Amino acid sequence: MCCEKCNKMTGMLVLAFGILFLLRDLNVWNFWNIQWWTVAFLVGGLIVVCTSCCPMCKTDKKK
């Protein structure tokens, strides 16, 4: 579906937000007052935008 670069970027985003929410759940760091589904929609939208701009993903979709 996506190239290796986009898959790696997606994984890093999900990991970063996962760690932030874990720290929030453990009361280590109380950052923004946003819900997990808001972050899910933001990450999903970012993935769609990045893969639509990536030349490697565009060539993979044509095959």
C-alpha atoms as a PDB file:
ATOM      1  CA  MET A   1       0.000   0.000   0.000  1.00  0.00           C
ATOM      2  CA  CYS A   2       2.784   2.441   0.935  1.00  0.00           C
ATOM      3  CA  CYS A   3       6.505   2.565   0.307  1.00  0.00           C
ATOM      4  CA  GLU A   4       9.027   1.611   2.970  1.00  0.00           C
ATOM      5  CA  LYS A   5       9.755   5.252   3.839  1.00  0.00           C
ATOM      6  CA  CYS A   6       6.078   6.057   4.445  1.00  0.00           C
ATOM      7  CA  ASN A   7       5.574   2.859   6.453  1.00  0.00           C
ATOM      8  CA  LYS A   8       8.533   3.774   8.654  1.00  0.00           C
ATOM      9  CA  MET A   9       7.245   7.325   9.149  1.00  0.00           C
ATOM     10  CA  THR A  10       3.783   6.017  10.026  1.00  0.00           C
ATOM     11  CA  GLY A  11       5.245   3.616  12.555  1.00  0.00           C
ATOM     12  CA  MET A  12       7.304   6.364  14.167  1.00  0.00           C
ATOM     13  CA  LEU A  13       4.246   8.644  14.436  1.00  0.00           C
ATOM     14  CA  VAL A  14       2.128   5.928  16.018  1.00  0.00           C
ATOM     15  CA  LEU A  15       4.942   5.031  18.418  1.00  0.00           C
ATOM     16  CA  ALA A  16       5.492   8.671  19.416  1.00  0.00           C
ATOM     17  CA  PHE A  17       1.810   9.308  20.095  1.00  0.00           C
ATOM     18  CA  GLY A  18       1.546   5.961  21.888  1.00  0.00           C
ATOM     19  CA  ILE A  19       4.380   6.921  24.231  1.00  0.00           C
ATOM     20  CA  LEU A  20       2.824  10.337  24.865  1.00  0.00           C
ATOM     21  CA  PHE A  21      -0.519   8.802  25.762  1.00  0.00           C
ATOM     22  CA  LEU A  22       1.183   6.172  27.931  1.00  0.00           C
ATOM     23  CA  LEU A  23       2.952   8.929  29.875  1.00  0.00           C
ATOM     24  CA  ARG A  24      -0.379  10.723  30.214  1.00  0.00           C
ATOM     25  CA  ASP A  25      -2.092   7.552  31.490  1.00  0.00           C
ATOM     26  CA  LEU A  26       0.685   7.015  34.037  1.00  0.00           C
ATOM     27  CA  ASN A  27       0.332  10.645  35.225  1.00  0.00           C
ATOM     28  CA  VAL A  28       3.968  11.290  34.389  1.00  0.00           C
ATOM     29  CA  TRP A  29       3.282  14.086  31.949  1.00  0.00           C
ATOM     30  CA  ASN A  30      -0.047  15.825  31.585  1.00  0.00           C
ATOM     31  CA  PHE A  31       0.065  17.426  28.160  1.00  0.00           C
ATOM     32  CA  TRP A  32      -2.807  18.459  25.924  1.00  0.00           C
ATOM     33  CA  ASN A  33      -6.371  17.687  26.836  1.00  0.00           C
ATOM     34  CA  ILE A  34      -7.166  15.747  23.645  1.00  0.00           C
ATOM     35  CA  GLN A  35      -8.690  12.326  23.213  1.00  0.00           C
ATOM     36  CA  TRP A  36      -7.078   9.344  21.528  1.00  0.00           C
ATOM     37  CA  TRP A  37      -9.531   9.319  18.612  1.00  0.00           C
ATOM     38  CA  THR A  38      -8.569  12.889  17.717  1.00  0.00           C
ATOM     39  CA  VAL A  39      -4.957  11.770  17.393  1.00  0.00           C
ATOM     40  CA  ALA A  40      -6.070   8.723  15.380  1.00  0.00           C
ATOM     41  CA  PHE A  41      -7.870  10.943  12.861  1.00  0.00           C
ATOM     42  CA  LEU A  42      -4.928  13.350  12.678  1.00  0.00           C
ATOM     43  CA  VAL A  43      -2.409  10.551  12.101  1.00  0.00           C
ATOM     44  CA  GLY A  44      -4.714   8.923   9.544  1.00  0.00           C
ATOM     45  CA  GLY A  45      -5.087  12.197   7.659  1.00  0.00           C
ATOM     46  CA  LEU A  46      -1.357  12.805   7.760  1.00  0.00           C
ATOM     47  CA  ILE A  47      -0.720   9.335   6.344  1.00  0.00           C
ATOM     48  CA  VAL A  48      -3.108   9.966   3.454  1.00  0.00           C
ATOM     49  CA  VAL A  49      -1.538  13.349   2.689  1.00  0.00           C
ATOM     50  CA  CYS A  50       2.019  11.999   2.856  1.00  0.00           C
ATOM     51  CA  THR A  51       1.344   8.963   0.673  1.00  0.00           C
ATOM     52  CA  SER A  52      -0.438  11.086  -1.917  1.00  0.00           C
ATOM     53  CA  CYS A  53       2.622  13.378  -2.156  1.00  0.00           C
ATOM     54  CA  CYS A  54       5.253  10.628  -2.109  1.00  0.00           C
ATOM     55  CA  PRO A  55       6.607   9.807  -5.589  1.00  0.00           C
ATOM     56  CA  MET A  56       7.575   6.282  -4.509  1.00  0.00           C
ATOM     57  CA  CYS A  57       4.037   5.542  -3.307  1.00  0.00           C
ATOM     58  CA  LYS A  58       2.600   6.895  -6.548  1.00  0.00           C
ATOM     59  CA  THR A  59       4.716   4.525  -8.636  1.00  0.00           C
ATOM     60  CA  ASP A  60       3.813   1.599  -6.334  1.00  0.00           C
ATOM     61  CA  LYS A  61       0.081   2.307  -6.798  1.00  0.00           C
ATOM     62  CA  LYS A  62       0.406   2.298 -10.591  1.00  0.00           C
ATOM     63  CA  LYS A  63       1.742  -1.268 -10.617  1.00  0.00           C
END
